[in-house]
Protein backbone atom coordinates (compact mmCIF):
# COMPACT_ATOMS: atom_id res chain seq x y z
CA MET A 1 -44.21 52.92 14.30
CA SER A 2 -44.45 53.95 10.67
CA LYS A 3 -43.79 51.49 7.89
CA LYS A 4 -40.69 53.47 6.90
CA VAL A 5 -39.20 53.34 10.41
CA LEU A 6 -40.09 49.64 10.71
CA ALA A 7 -38.31 48.90 7.43
CA ILE A 8 -35.18 50.74 8.65
CA VAL A 9 -35.19 48.81 11.96
CA LEU A 10 -35.59 45.47 10.19
CA ALA A 11 -32.78 46.33 7.78
CA MET A 12 -30.49 47.17 10.71
CA VAL A 13 -31.36 43.90 12.48
CA MET A 14 -30.59 41.91 9.34
CA LEU A 15 -27.28 43.74 8.88
CA VAL A 16 -26.24 43.02 12.47
CA ALA A 17 -27.20 39.35 12.04
CA LEU A 18 -25.26 39.12 8.78
CA VAL A 19 -22.12 40.62 10.32
CA ALA A 20 -22.43 38.33 13.34
CA GLY A 21 -22.92 35.36 11.04
CA CYS A 22 -19.85 36.18 9.01
CA GLY A 23 -17.80 36.64 12.15
CA GLY A 24 -19.05 33.30 13.43
CA ALA A 25 -18.16 31.59 10.15
CA LYS A 26 -14.65 33.02 10.32
CA LYS A 27 -14.36 31.89 13.91
CA GLU A 28 -15.54 28.40 13.00
CA GLU A 29 -13.09 28.25 10.08
CA LYS A 30 -10.24 29.35 12.34
CA LYS A 31 -11.27 26.78 14.92
CA ALA A 32 -11.30 23.99 12.31
CA GLU A 33 -7.83 24.94 11.08
CA GLY A 34 -6.47 24.97 14.61
CA ALA A 35 -8.14 21.72 15.69
CA LYS A 36 -6.17 19.00 17.43
CA TYR A 37 -6.35 15.39 16.27
CA THR A 38 -5.01 12.05 17.43
CA PHE A 39 -5.13 9.44 14.68
CA ARG A 40 -4.12 5.78 14.38
CA LEU A 41 -2.17 4.10 11.58
CA GLY A 42 -2.40 0.33 11.24
CA GLU A 43 0.65 -1.50 9.86
CA THR A 44 0.97 -5.26 9.26
CA HIS A 45 4.77 -5.33 9.26
CA PRO A 46 6.83 -5.39 12.49
CA ALA A 47 8.35 -2.18 13.85
CA GLU A 48 11.83 -2.86 12.40
CA HIS A 49 10.50 -3.28 8.84
CA PRO A 50 11.47 -0.35 6.54
CA THR A 51 7.85 0.38 5.70
CA ALA A 52 6.88 0.55 9.38
CA GLN A 53 9.85 2.87 9.96
CA ALA A 54 8.60 5.05 7.09
CA ASP A 55 5.13 5.18 8.69
CA LYS A 56 6.77 6.70 11.76
CA GLU A 57 8.67 9.22 9.63
CA PHE A 58 5.36 10.22 8.03
CA ALA A 59 3.78 10.68 11.46
CA LYS A 60 6.78 12.77 12.54
CA LEU A 61 6.51 15.07 9.51
CA VAL A 62 2.79 15.60 10.09
CA SER A 63 3.37 16.42 13.76
CA GLU A 64 6.17 18.88 12.96
CA ARG A 65 4.30 20.65 10.18
CA SER A 66 1.07 20.92 12.19
CA LYS A 67 3.08 22.20 15.20
CA GLY A 68 1.97 19.22 17.24
CA ARG A 69 -1.75 19.59 16.53
CA ILE A 70 -1.97 16.35 14.55
CA THR A 71 -0.65 13.21 16.21
CA ILE A 72 -0.52 9.92 14.30
CA ASN A 73 0.20 6.89 16.46
CA VAL A 74 1.63 3.99 14.44
CA PHE A 75 0.63 0.44 15.41
CA PRO A 76 3.02 -2.02 13.68
CA GLY A 77 2.94 -5.80 13.84
CA ALA A 78 -0.78 -6.10 12.98
CA GLN A 79 -1.76 -4.77 16.41
CA LEU A 80 -4.96 -3.37 14.91
CA GLY A 81 -5.56 -6.49 12.81
CA GLU A 82 -4.35 -8.07 9.58
CA GLU A 83 -4.48 -6.01 6.37
CA LYS A 84 -8.02 -6.93 5.30
CA ALA A 85 -9.49 -6.15 8.73
CA VAL A 86 -7.69 -2.81 8.93
CA ILE A 87 -8.79 -1.84 5.41
CA GLU A 88 -12.41 -2.34 6.52
CA GLN A 89 -11.83 -0.24 9.65
CA VAL A 90 -10.27 2.56 7.61
CA GLN A 91 -13.21 2.52 5.22
CA LEU A 92 -15.57 3.01 8.17
CA GLY A 93 -13.37 5.66 9.78
CA ALA A 94 -12.72 3.55 12.89
CA VAL A 95 -8.98 3.67 12.03
CA GLU A 96 -7.77 6.76 10.19
CA PHE A 97 -4.65 5.54 8.33
CA THR A 98 -3.05 2.37 7.06
CA ARG A 99 -0.25 1.23 4.82
CA VAL A 100 -1.45 -1.64 2.70
CA SER A 101 -0.46 -3.62 -0.37
CA SER A 102 -2.32 -2.50 -3.48
CA GLY A 103 -3.23 -6.17 -4.07
CA PRO A 104 -6.28 -6.32 -1.77
CA LEU A 105 -7.27 -2.78 -2.79
CA ALA A 106 -8.32 -4.11 -6.20
CA GLU A 107 -11.59 -4.98 -4.48
CA PHE A 108 -12.24 -1.23 -4.19
CA ASN A 109 -10.61 0.01 -7.40
CA LYS A 110 -10.47 -2.78 -9.93
CA GLN A 111 -7.67 -1.21 -11.95
CA LEU A 112 -5.26 -1.62 -9.02
CA GLY A 113 -5.48 -5.34 -9.71
CA VAL A 114 -3.17 -4.76 -12.68
CA PHE A 115 -0.18 -4.88 -10.30
CA SER A 116 -0.90 -8.53 -9.57
CA LEU A 117 -0.22 -9.45 -13.20
CA PRO A 118 3.21 -11.09 -13.49
CA TYR A 119 6.21 -9.53 -15.23
CA ILE A 120 4.45 -6.31 -16.32
CA PHE A 121 7.34 -4.12 -15.14
CA ASP A 122 10.81 -4.52 -16.64
CA SER A 123 12.52 -2.95 -13.65
CA ASN A 124 12.06 -0.87 -10.54
CA GLU A 125 12.76 2.29 -12.55
CA HIS A 126 10.01 1.35 -15.00
CA MET A 127 7.52 0.88 -12.15
CA TRP A 128 8.30 4.24 -10.52
CA LYS A 129 8.10 6.10 -13.81
CA PHE A 130 4.55 4.79 -14.14
CA LEU A 131 3.57 5.42 -10.50
CA ASN A 132 4.87 8.99 -10.53
CA GLY A 133 2.93 9.84 -13.67
CA ALA A 134 -0.67 10.89 -14.22
CA ALA A 135 -1.80 7.28 -14.68
CA GLY A 136 -0.44 6.28 -11.28
CA GLU A 137 -2.15 9.24 -9.59
CA LYS A 138 -5.40 8.35 -11.32
CA LEU A 139 -5.36 4.89 -9.74
CA LEU A 140 -4.99 6.44 -6.28
CA LYS A 141 -7.89 8.83 -6.92
CA GLY A 142 -10.04 5.87 -7.92
CA LEU A 143 -10.12 4.83 -4.25
CA GLU A 144 -12.13 7.88 -3.20
CA SER A 145 -15.47 6.39 -4.24
CA SER A 146 -14.83 3.62 -1.69
CA LYS A 147 -14.15 6.15 1.11
CA PHE A 148 -10.33 5.98 0.97
CA MET A 149 -7.85 8.75 0.23
CA GLY A 150 -4.79 7.32 -1.51
CA LEU A 151 -1.94 9.56 -0.31
CA ALA A 152 1.18 8.02 -1.86
CA TYR A 153 2.81 4.85 -3.13
CA PHE A 154 5.58 3.13 -1.19
CA GLU A 155 8.34 0.90 -2.56
CA PRO A 156 7.21 -2.75 -2.54
CA GLY A 157 10.38 -4.47 -3.72
CA ASP A 158 10.12 -7.30 -6.20
CA ARG A 159 8.45 -10.54 -5.16
CA ASN A 160 10.29 -13.85 -5.45
CA PHE A 161 9.72 -17.46 -4.43
CA TYR A 162 11.24 -19.22 -1.43
CA ALA A 163 10.76 -22.82 -0.35
CA LYS A 164 11.71 -25.63 2.00
CA LYS A 165 13.30 -27.60 -0.83
CA PRO A 166 15.64 -26.55 -3.64
CA ILE A 167 14.27 -24.36 -6.44
CA THR A 168 16.72 -23.62 -9.21
CA LYS A 169 14.42 -23.59 -12.24
CA LEU A 170 10.77 -23.23 -13.22
CA GLU A 171 10.14 -26.99 -13.18
CA ASP A 172 11.03 -27.16 -9.48
CA LEU A 173 7.80 -25.34 -8.61
CA LYS A 174 5.68 -28.14 -10.01
CA GLY A 175 3.35 -29.60 -7.40
CA MET A 176 4.43 -27.23 -4.63
CA LYS A 177 1.81 -25.74 -2.31
CA ILE A 178 2.63 -22.03 -2.43
CA ARG A 179 1.13 -19.40 -0.15
CA VAL A 180 -0.31 -16.41 -2.01
CA ILE A 181 -2.34 -13.30 -1.22
CA GLN A 182 -6.03 -14.12 -1.58
CA ASN A 183 -6.38 -12.77 -5.07
CA LYS A 184 -7.68 -14.59 -8.18
CA ILE A 185 -4.86 -13.39 -10.42
CA ASN A 186 -2.21 -14.64 -7.97
CA MET A 187 -3.91 -18.00 -7.73
CA ASP A 188 -4.07 -18.33 -11.52
CA MET A 189 -0.41 -17.28 -11.80
CA ILE A 190 0.69 -20.01 -9.40
CA ALA A 191 -1.38 -22.59 -11.27
CA ALA A 192 0.15 -21.46 -14.59
CA LEU A 193 3.61 -22.04 -13.09
CA GLY A 194 2.60 -25.62 -12.26
CA ALA A 195 2.13 -25.21 -8.51
CA SER A 196 -0.86 -25.20 -6.17
CA ALA A 197 -1.98 -21.83 -4.78
CA THR A 198 -2.79 -21.72 -1.08
CA PRO A 199 -4.29 -18.41 0.13
CA MET A 200 -3.31 -17.70 3.73
CA PRO A 201 -3.05 -14.64 6.04
CA TRP A 202 0.51 -13.34 6.32
CA GLY A 203 0.62 -13.99 10.04
CA GLU A 204 0.07 -17.73 9.50
CA VAL A 205 2.78 -18.33 6.90
CA PHE A 206 5.61 -19.17 9.31
CA SER A 207 3.63 -21.95 11.02
CA GLY A 208 2.32 -23.06 7.62
CA LEU A 209 5.88 -23.57 6.38
CA GLN A 210 6.97 -25.13 9.65
CA THR A 211 4.14 -27.70 9.73
CA GLY A 212 4.14 -28.47 6.01
CA VAL A 213 0.70 -26.99 5.29
CA ILE A 214 2.58 -25.10 2.56
CA ASP A 215 5.89 -25.84 0.83
CA ALA A 216 6.74 -22.34 -0.27
CA ALA A 217 5.73 -18.70 -0.31
CA GLU A 218 6.71 -15.54 -2.17
CA ASN A 219 7.65 -12.06 -1.08
CA ASN A 220 10.49 -9.53 -0.98
CA TRP A 221 13.82 -9.59 0.89
CA PRO A 222 12.91 -7.42 3.92
CA SER A 223 9.69 -9.34 4.53
CA PHE A 224 11.50 -12.67 4.17
CA LEU A 225 13.89 -11.59 6.92
CA SER A 226 11.54 -9.75 9.31
CA SER A 227 9.00 -12.61 9.22
CA ASN A 228 11.73 -15.16 10.06
CA HIS A 229 10.56 -17.30 7.15
CA TYR A 230 14.21 -17.82 6.21
CA GLN A 231 14.54 -20.00 9.31
CA VAL A 232 12.28 -22.65 7.78
CA ALA A 233 12.56 -21.94 4.04
CA LYS A 234 16.19 -22.22 3.02
CA TYR A 235 15.89 -21.87 -0.77
CA TRP A 236 15.24 -18.63 -2.67
CA ILE A 237 14.91 -17.98 -6.40
CA SER A 238 14.99 -14.41 -7.74
CA ASP A 239 12.52 -14.14 -10.60
CA ALA A 240 10.87 -10.77 -9.71
CA HIS A 241 7.49 -12.05 -10.87
CA GLN A 242 5.62 -9.11 -9.37
CA ARG A 243 6.11 -5.56 -8.15
CA VAL A 244 2.97 -4.75 -6.19
CA PRO A 245 3.16 -1.15 -4.91
CA GLU A 246 2.29 -0.35 -1.32
CA VAL A 247 -0.26 2.40 -0.67
CA LEU A 248 -0.33 4.82 2.25
CA MET A 249 -3.94 5.86 2.65
CA MET A 250 -6.39 7.67 4.92
CA SER A 251 -10.05 7.19 5.68
CA LYS A 252 -12.10 9.63 3.60
CA VAL A 253 -14.47 9.87 6.58
CA ALA A 254 -11.61 11.40 8.60
CA TRP A 255 -10.17 13.32 5.64
CA ASP A 256 -13.44 15.17 4.99
CA LYS A 257 -13.39 16.57 8.55
CA LEU A 258 -10.04 18.29 8.04
CA SER A 259 -9.45 21.89 7.05
CA ASP A 260 -7.90 22.50 3.62
CA GLU A 261 -4.66 23.48 5.34
CA ASP A 262 -4.48 20.20 7.29
CA LYS A 263 -5.25 18.22 4.14
CA LYS A 264 -2.26 19.90 2.46
CA ILE A 265 -0.03 19.11 5.43
CA ILE A 266 -0.96 15.42 5.40
CA LYS A 267 -0.77 14.98 1.61
CA GLN A 268 2.62 16.72 1.33
CA ALA A 269 4.02 14.78 4.29
CA ALA A 270 2.98 11.54 2.56
CA VAL A 271 4.64 12.60 -0.71
CA ASP A 272 7.82 13.64 1.12
CA THR A 273 7.92 10.33 3.00
CA VAL A 274 8.21 8.37 -0.26
CA LYS A 275 11.90 9.20 -0.73
CA ILE A 276 12.58 8.36 2.92
CA GLN A 277 10.80 5.04 2.54
CA ARG A 278 12.62 4.18 -0.70
CA ASP A 279 16.01 4.94 0.88
CA LEU A 280 15.14 2.85 3.94
CA TRP A 281 13.98 0.08 1.64
CA ALA A 282 17.13 0.02 -0.50
CA LYS A 283 19.34 -0.29 2.57
CA SER A 284 17.07 -2.85 4.20
CA GLU A 285 16.96 -4.96 1.03
CA LYS A 286 20.75 -5.24 0.90
CA ASP A 287 21.00 -5.95 4.61
CA ALA A 288 18.25 -8.58 4.48
CA GLU A 289 19.83 -10.46 1.58
CA ALA A 290 23.22 -10.46 3.31
CA LYS A 291 21.73 -11.74 6.58
CA VAL A 292 19.69 -14.57 5.09
CA ARG A 293 22.64 -15.68 2.97
CA ALA A 294 24.75 -15.72 6.14
CA ALA A 295 22.01 -17.80 7.80
CA GLY A 296 22.46 -20.51 5.18
CA VAL A 297 19.80 -19.67 2.59
CA THR A 298 20.70 -20.76 -0.94
CA VAL A 299 19.96 -17.98 -3.44
CA VAL A 300 19.54 -18.57 -7.18
CA SER A 301 18.89 -15.89 -9.82
CA VAL A 302 16.87 -16.64 -12.94
CA ALA A 303 19.16 -16.08 -15.90
CA ASP A 304 16.45 -16.34 -18.56
CA LEU A 305 12.93 -15.19 -17.71
CA LYS A 306 11.43 -16.12 -21.08
CA PRO A 307 10.18 -19.60 -20.00
CA TRP A 308 8.58 -18.05 -16.90
CA GLN A 309 6.94 -15.30 -18.93
CA ALA A 310 5.70 -17.82 -21.49
CA ALA A 311 4.19 -19.96 -18.74
CA VAL A 312 2.10 -17.09 -17.36
CA LYS A 313 1.03 -15.66 -20.74
CA PRO A 314 -2.41 -17.30 -20.42
CA VAL A 315 -2.91 -15.28 -17.22
CA ILE A 316 -2.03 -12.03 -19.04
CA ASP A 317 -4.37 -13.00 -21.88
CA LYS A 318 -7.19 -13.88 -19.48
CA TYR A 319 -7.11 -10.61 -17.52
CA GLY A 320 -5.50 -8.28 -20.03
CA THR A 321 -8.78 -6.92 -21.40
CA ASP A 322 -9.82 -5.84 -17.89
CA TYR A 323 -6.70 -3.69 -17.62
CA ALA A 324 -6.19 -2.77 -21.26
CA GLU A 325 -5.94 0.99 -20.72
CA THR A 326 -3.67 0.73 -17.67
CA LEU A 327 -1.41 -1.80 -19.41
CA LYS A 328 -1.04 0.63 -22.32
CA GLU A 329 0.01 3.34 -19.84
CA ILE A 330 2.50 0.95 -18.23
CA ASP A 331 3.89 0.14 -21.66
CA ALA A 332 4.16 3.88 -22.46
CA ALA A 333 6.24 4.34 -19.30
CA ARG A 334 8.96 2.18 -20.90
CA LYS A 335 9.76 4.95 -23.38
């Protein structure tokens, strides 16, 4: 065989291989886009909680938009573990989704710790203006380096104190043992208010109140009701000391295996679930307050927050430099 003929044959072989390769790549791409998945979503709250209901709405949207290819099974009531344990599983890819408070996520993106600072938001509207802006999205993106994909924020409600004995003013907190999320800022906040911070898993709070290990705790209306804490803590004071956004997130390990089309489906479903979750929350908040009042809980609203804000100023001063840029962005959202 002459060199010329050999060159022509080799060229034809390479062309056939190239065409076959391209066809195979297209086939693989099509296969990836049409892949079927069954994922798990870990949720701490019980099934009737508005956030757990929103998780199910999210799963429903994903199933509908993927034409049944992507199934997300929601496990409420800490069936897959408490928040910290599930966060670790999501990071490893052992669990694909979770809904978690942004509080413990500060371990993975320090700037998310800003939400633990007391009284940084003037209102719910102020908080959502910040979260829906570029600064809020930037905080979610900051989770990617820790192998999480922050998909959307959920409504957290405002956090307030409740106790086994009357609390009508700031001074009533003095000496109380108050359960908090295991977070240094929260612990310093409680100390600044004159009480003793007691970190404790959420699932242990009811027995802690019942047995006297703690005197009080703090959370929002729906959680106060769904946890049954109102049965043992009959006094509530509305001071709205924190608004700590919830985060719906996915394991980046699982995310990176998806086609671009499936990523769009999941991200958009998460964004569209936010309004559903906020509506569910608003209704649940009103219902929860009405039910606990009917159950005999005494509710007091703080008329003047200035003494409370003054008491925690040292906490803002201590941590403010760590969150200087984010605090400026939160302040800008007031305008």
